[in-house]
Amino acid sequence: SGLDPKARALLKSQLREMKRAGRTV
C-alpha cells in the first residue's frame, strides 16, 4: 500500500530473500 512500482519490485526482491532464508510470511 502506497508503494510506487519500483518500490514494489524491490520489496518483492526482499521477500524472496526471506523465503530463501526459510522465513514465513
PDB file of all heavy atoms in Angstrom:
ATOM      1  N   SER A   1       0.830  -1.206   0.000  1.00  0.00           N
ATOM      2  CA  SER A   1       0.000   0.000   0.000  1.00  0.00           C
ATOM      3  C   SER A   1       0.867   1.259   0.000  1.00  0.00           C
ATOM      4  O   SER A   1       1.766   1.421   0.830  1.00  0.00           O
ATOM      5  CB  SER A   1      -0.906   0.009   1.236  1.00  0.00           C
ATOM      6  OG  SER A   1      -1.646   1.197   1.318  1.00  0.00           O
ATOM      7  N   GLY A   2       0.639   2.142  -0.960  1.00  0.00           N
ATOM      8  CA  GLY A   2       1.367   3.402  -1.031  1.00  0.00           C
ATOM      9  C   GLY A   2       2.714   3.323  -1.719  1.00  0.00           C
ATOM     10  O   GLY A   2       3.401   4.340  -1.837  1.00  0.00           O
ATOM     11  N   LEU A   3       3.108   2.137  -2.181  1.00  0.00           N
ATOM     12  CA  LEU A   3       4.409   1.996  -2.840  1.00  0.00           C
ATOM     13  C   LEU A   3       4.295   2.215  -4.343  1.00  0.00           C
ATOM     14  O   LEU A   3       3.335   1.774  -4.973  1.00  0.00           O
ATOM     15  CB  LEU A   3       4.981   0.598  -2.586  1.00  0.00           C
ATOM     16  CG  LEU A   3       5.289   0.216  -1.138  1.00  0.00           C
ATOM     17  CD1 LEU A   3       5.950  -1.158  -1.093  1.00  0.00           C
ATOM     18  CD2 LEU A   3       6.169   1.256  -0.453  1.00  0.00           C
ATOM     19  N   ASP A   4       5.313   2.862  -4.923  1.00  0.00           N
ATOM     20  CA  ASP A   4       5.357   3.026  -6.376  1.00  0.00           C
ATOM     21  C   ASP A   4       5.871   1.733  -7.006  1.00  0.00           C
ATOM     22  O   ASP A   4       6.340   0.820  -6.301  1.00  0.00           O
ATOM     23  CB  ASP A   4       6.216   4.230  -6.763  1.00  0.00           C
ATOM     24  CG  ASP A   4       7.649   4.126  -6.256  1.00  0.00           C
ATOM     25  OD1 ASP A   4       8.228   3.015  -6.307  1.00  0.00           O
ATOM     26  OD2 ASP A   4       8.197   5.149  -5.812  1.00  0.00           O
ATOM     27  N   PRO A   5       5.792   1.594  -8.325  1.00  0.00           N
ATOM     28  CA  PRO A   5       6.197   0.336  -8.967  1.00  0.00           C
ATOM     29  C   PRO A   5       7.622  -0.099  -8.655  1.00  0.00           C
ATOM     30  O   PRO A   5       7.892  -1.291  -8.471  1.00  0.00           O
ATOM     31  CB  PRO A   5       6.026   0.634 -10.460  1.00  0.00           C
ATOM     32  CG  PRO A   5       4.931   1.658 -10.505  1.00  0.00           C
ATOM     33  CD  PRO A   5       5.169   2.519  -9.294  1.00  0.00           C
ATOM     34  N   LYS A   6       8.558   0.863  -8.581  1.00  0.00           N
ATOM     35  CA  LYS A   6       9.943   0.486  -8.266  1.00  0.00           C
ATOM     36  C   LYS A   6      10.047  -0.089  -6.863  1.00  0.00           C
ATOM     37  O   LYS A   6      10.685  -1.135  -6.651  1.00  0.00           O
ATOM     38  CB  LYS A   6      10.863   1.709  -8.407  1.00  0.00           C
ATOM     39  CG  LYS A   6      12.325   1.386  -8.100  1.00  0.00           C
ATOM     40  CD  LYS A   6      13.211   2.619  -8.240  1.00  0.00           C
ATOM     41  CE  LYS A   6      14.676   2.287  -7.902  1.00  0.00           C
ATOM     42  NZ  LYS A   6      15.535   3.497  -8.010  1.00  0.00           N
ATOM     43  N   ALA A   7       9.410   0.577  -5.903  1.00  0.00           N
ATOM     44  CA  ALA A   7       9.468   0.109  -4.521  1.00  0.00           C
ATOM     45  C   ALA A   7       8.783  -1.243  -4.365  1.00  0.00           C
ATOM     46  O   ALA A   7       9.237  -2.096  -3.596  1.00  0.00           O
ATOM     47  CB  ALA A   7       8.837   1.135  -3.590  1.00  0.00           C
ATOM     48  N   ARG A   8       7.694  -1.464  -5.110  1.00  0.00           N
ATOM     49  CA  ARG A   8       7.006  -2.761  -5.057  1.00  0.00           C
ATOM     50  C   ARG A   8       7.936  -3.873  -5.541  1.00  0.00           C
ATOM     51  O   ARG A   8       8.021  -4.944  -4.923  1.00  0.00           O
ATOM     52  CB  ARG A   8       5.744  -2.737  -5.924  1.00  0.00           C
ATOM     53  CG  ARG A   8       4.614  -1.905  -5.365  1.00  0.00           C
ATOM     54  CD  ARG A   8       3.531  -1.698  -6.418  1.00  0.00           C
ATOM     55  NE  ARG A   8       2.867  -2.942  -6.741  1.00  0.00           N
ATOM     56  CZ  ARG A   8       1.686  -3.306  -6.264  1.00  0.00           C
ATOM     57  NH1 ARG A   8       1.051  -2.504  -5.424  1.00  0.00           N
ATOM     58  NH2 ARG A   8       1.123  -4.438  -6.612  1.00  0.00           N
ATOM     59  N   ALA A   9       8.635  -3.607  -6.637  1.00  0.00           N
ATOM     60  CA  ALA A   9       9.556  -4.607  -7.173  1.00  0.00           C
ATOM     61  C   ALA A   9      10.694  -4.885  -6.194  1.00  0.00           C
ATOM     62  O   ALA A   9      11.100  -6.038  -6.000  1.00  0.00           O
ATOM     63  CB  ALA A   9      10.100  -4.148  -8.522  1.00  0.00           C
ATOM     64  N   LEU A  10      11.209  -3.830  -5.565  1.00  0.00           N
ATOM     65  CA  LEU A  10      12.300  -4.006  -4.610  1.00  0.00           C
ATOM     66  C   LEU A  10      11.832  -4.758  -3.365  1.00  0.00           C
ATOM     67  O   LEU A  10      12.573  -5.593  -2.823  1.00  0.00           O
ATOM     68  CB  LEU A  10      12.875  -2.649  -4.218  1.00  0.00           C
ATOM     69  CG  LEU A  10      13.644  -1.915  -5.328  1.00  0.00           C
ATOM     70  CD1 LEU A  10      13.988  -0.495  -4.894  1.00  0.00           C
ATOM     71  CD2 LEU A  10      14.909  -2.683  -5.701  1.00  0.00           C
ATOM     72  N   LEU A  11      10.612  -4.465  -2.901  1.00  0.00           N
ATOM     73  CA  LEU A  11      10.076  -5.193  -1.755  1.00  0.00           C
ATOM     74  C   LEU A  11       9.954  -6.675  -2.074  1.00  0.00           C
ATOM     75  O   LEU A  11      10.319  -7.536  -1.250  1.00  0.00           O
ATOM     76  CB  LEU A  11       8.714  -4.628  -1.349  1.00  0.00           C
ATOM     77  CG  LEU A  11       7.964  -5.438  -0.281  1.00  0.00           C
ATOM     78  CD1 LEU A  11       8.771  -5.519   1.012  1.00  0.00           C
ATOM     79  CD2 LEU A  11       6.578  -4.835  -0.027  1.00  0.00           C
ATOM     80  N   LYS A  12       9.470  -6.996  -3.261  1.00  0.00           N
ATOM     81  CA  LYS A  12       9.336  -8.404  -3.627  1.00  0.00           C
ATOM     82  C   LYS A  12      10.693  -9.094  -3.668  1.00  0.00           C
ATOM     83  O   LYS A  12      10.803 -10.280  -3.317  1.00  0.00           O
ATOM     84  CB  LYS A  12       8.592  -8.525  -4.962  1.00  0.00           C
ATOM     85  CG  LYS A  12       7.098  -8.232  -4.835  1.00  0.00           C
ATOM     86  CD  LYS A  12       6.316  -8.589  -6.072  1.00  0.00           C
ATOM     87  CE  LYS A  12       6.450  -7.560  -7.150  1.00  0.00           C
ATOM     88  NZ  LYS A  12       5.528  -7.826  -8.297  1.00  0.00           N
ATOM     89  N   SER A  13      11.737  -8.370  -4.043  1.00  0.00           N
ATOM     90  CA  SER A  13      13.080  -8.943  -4.000  1.00  0.00           C
ATOM     91  C   SER A  13      13.486  -9.265  -2.570  1.00  0.00           C
ATOM     92  O   SER A  13      14.088 -10.318  -2.291  1.00  0.00           O
ATOM     93  CB  SER A  13      14.092  -7.970  -4.616  1.00  0.00           C
ATOM     94  OG  SER A  13      13.871  -7.803  -6.000  1.00  0.00           O
ATOM     95  N   GLN A  14      13.148  -8.369  -1.639  1.00  0.00           N
ATOM     96  CA  GLN A  14      13.447  -8.621  -0.227  1.00  0.00           C
ATOM     97  C   GLN A  14      12.658  -9.817   0.297  1.00  0.00           C
ATOM     98  O   GLN A  14      13.178 -10.636   1.066  1.00  0.00           O
ATOM     99  CB  GLN A  14      13.121  -7.380   0.608  1.00  0.00           C
ATOM    100  CG  GLN A  14      14.066  -6.215   0.399  1.00  0.00           C
ATOM    101  CD  GLN A  14      15.493  -6.569   0.755  1.00  0.00           C
ATOM    102  OE1 GLN A  14      15.775  -7.050   1.863  1.00  0.00           O
ATOM    103  NE2 GLN A  14      16.419  -6.343  -0.164  1.00  0.00           N
ATOM    104  N   LEU A  15      11.411  -9.938  -0.129  1.00  0.00           N
ATOM    105  CA  LEU A  15      10.589 -11.063   0.311  1.00  0.00           C
ATOM    106  C   LEU A  15      11.140 -12.384  -0.212  1.00  0.00           C
ATOM    107  O   LEU A  15      11.131 -13.400   0.492  1.00  0.00           O
ATOM    108  CB  LEU A  15       9.141 -10.864  -0.138  1.00  0.00           C
ATOM    109  CG  LEU A  15       8.397  -9.694   0.521  1.00  0.00           C
ATOM    110  CD1 LEU A  15       7.010  -9.538  -0.074  1.00  0.00           C
ATOM    111  CD2 LEU A  15       8.306  -9.900   2.034  1.00  0.00           C
ATOM    112  N   ARG A  16      11.637 -12.363  -1.440  1.00  0.00           N
ATOM    113  CA  ARG A  16      12.239 -13.590  -1.978  1.00  0.00           C
ATOM    114  C   ARG A  16      13.477 -13.988  -1.184  1.00  0.00           C
ATOM    115  O   ARG A  16      13.741 -15.179  -0.981  1.00  0.00           O
ATOM    116  CB  ARG A  16      12.579 -13.399  -3.457  1.00  0.00           C
ATOM    117  CG  ARG A  16      11.351 -13.260  -4.366  1.00  0.00           C
ATOM    118  CD  ARG A  16      11.747 -13.273  -5.831  1.00  0.00           C
ATOM    119  NE  ARG A  16      10.632 -12.891  -6.675  1.00  0.00           N
ATOM    120  CZ  ARG A  16      10.424 -11.669  -7.135  1.00  0.00           C
ATOM    121  NH1 ARG A  16      11.285 -10.694  -6.853  1.00  0.00           N
ATOM    122  NH2 ARG A  16       9.378 -11.398  -7.887  1.00  0.00           N
ATOM    123  N   GLU A  17      14.246 -13.002  -0.737  1.00  0.00           N
ATOM    124  CA  GLU A  17      15.393 -13.294   0.114  1.00  0.00           C
ATOM    125  C   GLU A  17      14.940 -13.945   1.416  1.00  0.00           C
ATOM    126  O   GLU A  17      15.586 -14.884   1.926  1.00  0.00           O
ATOM    127  CB  GLU A  17      16.172 -12.009   0.414  1.00  0.00           C
ATOM    128  CG  GLU A  17      16.955 -11.449  -0.762  1.00  0.00           C
ATOM    129  CD  GLU A  17      18.123 -12.346  -1.149  1.00  0.00           C
ATOM    130  OE1 GLU A  17      18.672 -13.040  -0.264  1.00  0.00           O
ATOM    131  OE2 GLU A  17      18.471 -12.376  -2.345  1.00  0.00           O
ATOM    132  N   MET A  18      13.828 -13.461   1.972  1.00  0.00           N
ATOM    133  CA  MET A  18      13.293 -14.040   3.196  1.00  0.00           C
ATOM    134  C   MET A  18      12.855 -15.479   2.968  1.00  0.00           C
ATOM    135  O   MET A  18      13.056 -16.344   3.830  1.00  0.00           O
ATOM    136  CB  MET A  18      12.122 -13.199   3.696  1.00  0.00           C
ATOM    137  CG  MET A  18      12.504 -11.829   4.186  1.00  0.00           C
ATOM    138  SD  MET A  18      11.064 -10.808   4.564  1.00  0.00           S
ATOM    139  CE  MET A  18      10.270 -11.765   5.850  1.00  0.00           C
ATOM    140  N   LYS A  19      12.267 -15.728   1.814  1.00  0.00           N
ATOM    141  CA  LYS A  19      11.826 -17.088   1.502  1.00  0.00           C
ATOM    142  C   LYS A  19      13.016 -18.029   1.419  1.00  0.00           C
ATOM    143  O   LYS A  19      12.984 -19.157   1.936  1.00  0.00           O
ATOM    144  CB  LYS A  19      11.038 -17.094   0.194  1.00  0.00           C
ATOM    145  CG  LYS A  19      10.365 -18.424  -0.107  1.00  0.00           C
ATOM    146  CD  LYS A  19       9.451 -18.302  -1.298  1.00  0.00           C
ATOM    147  CE  LYS A  19       8.687 -19.602  -1.539  1.00  0.00           C
ATOM    148  NZ  LYS A  19       7.781 -19.939  -0.430  1.00  0.00           N
ATOM    149  N   ARG A  20      14.081 -17.559   0.784  1.00  0.00           N
ATOM    150  CA  ARG A  20      15.282 -18.387   0.689  1.00  0.00           C
ATOM    151  C   ARG A  20      15.884 -18.660   2.072  1.00  0.00           C
ATOM    152  O   ARG A  20      16.539 -19.683   2.290  1.00  0.00           O
ATOM    153  CB  ARG A  20      16.321 -17.731  -0.228  1.00  0.00           C
ATOM    154  CG  ARG A  20      15.991 -17.866  -1.709  1.00  0.00           C
ATOM    155  CD  ARG A  20      17.142 -17.405  -2.581  1.00  0.00           C
ATOM    156  NE  ARG A  20      17.226 -15.962  -2.657  1.00  0.00           N
ATOM    157  CZ  ARG A  20      16.616 -15.216  -3.574  1.00  0.00           C
ATOM    158  NH1 ARG A  20      15.854 -15.801  -4.491  1.00  0.00           N
ATOM    159  NH2 ARG A  20      16.757 -13.897  -3.585  1.00  0.00           N
ATOM    160  N   ALA A  21      15.662 -17.729   3.006  1.00  0.00           N
ATOM    161  CA  ALA A  21      16.168 -17.899   4.370  1.00  0.00           C
ATOM    162  C   ALA A  21      15.249 -18.771   5.214  1.00  0.00           C
ATOM    163  O   ALA A  21      15.557 -19.033   6.392  1.00  0.00           O
ATOM    164  CB  ALA A  21      16.351 -16.536   5.031  1.00  0.00           C
ATOM    165  N   GLY A  22      14.115 -19.205   4.648  1.00  0.00           N
ATOM    166  CA  GLY A  22      13.208 -20.100   5.354  1.00  0.00           C
ATOM    167  C   GLY A  22      12.222 -19.420   6.269  1.00  0.00           C
ATOM    168  O   GLY A  22      11.573 -20.082   7.099  1.00  0.00           O
ATOM    169  N   ARG A  23      12.066 -18.093   6.136  1.00  0.00           N
ATOM    170  CA  ARG A  23      11.111 -17.388   6.985  1.00  0.00           C
ATOM    171  C   ARG A  23       9.684 -17.539   6.443  1.00  0.00           C
ATOM    172  O   ARG A  23       9.477 -17.789   5.260  1.00  0.00           O
ATOM    173  CB  ARG A  23      11.491 -15.920   7.111  1.00  0.00           C
ATOM    174  CG  ARG A  23      12.804 -15.715   7.854  1.00  0.00           C
ATOM    175  CD  ARG A  23      13.037 -14.268   8.237  1.00  0.00           C
ATOM    176  NE  ARG A  23      14.206 -14.152   9.097  1.00  0.00           N
ATOM    177  CZ  ARG A  23      15.437 -13.990   8.668  1.00  0.00           C
ATOM    178  NH1 ARG A  23      15.680 -13.901   7.371  1.00  0.00           N
ATOM    179  NH2 ARG A  23      16.440 -13.904   9.512  1.00  0.00           N
ATOM    180  N   THR A  24       8.719 -17.358   7.322  1.00  0.00           N
ATOM    181  CA  THR A  24       7.306 -17.481   6.978  1.00  0.00           C
ATOM    182  C   THR A  24       6.709 -16.099   6.811  1.00  0.00           C
ATOM    183  O   THR A  24       6.978 -15.201   7.614  1.00  0.00           O
ATOM    184  CB  THR A  24       6.549 -18.231   8.091  1.00  0.00           C
ATOM    185  OG1 THR A  24       7.225 -19.444   8.393  1.00  0.00           O
ATOM    186  CG2 THR A  24       5.114 -18.535   7.668  1.00  0.00           C
ATOM    187  N   VAL A  25       5.889 -15.919   5.771  1.00  0.00           N
ATOM    188  CA  VAL A  25       5.210 -14.649   5.541  1.00  0.00           C
ATOM    189  C   VAL A  25       3.719 -14.917   5.367  1.00  0.00           C
ATOM    190  O   VAL A  25       3.316 -15.779   4.573  1.00  0.00           O
ATOM    191  CB  VAL A  25       5.771 -13.912   4.311  1.00  0.00           C
ATOM    192  CG1 VAL A  25       4.902 -12.701   3.975  1.00  0.00           C
ATOM    193  CG2 VAL A  25       7.204 -13.462   4.559  1.00  0.00           C
TER     194      VAL A  25
END
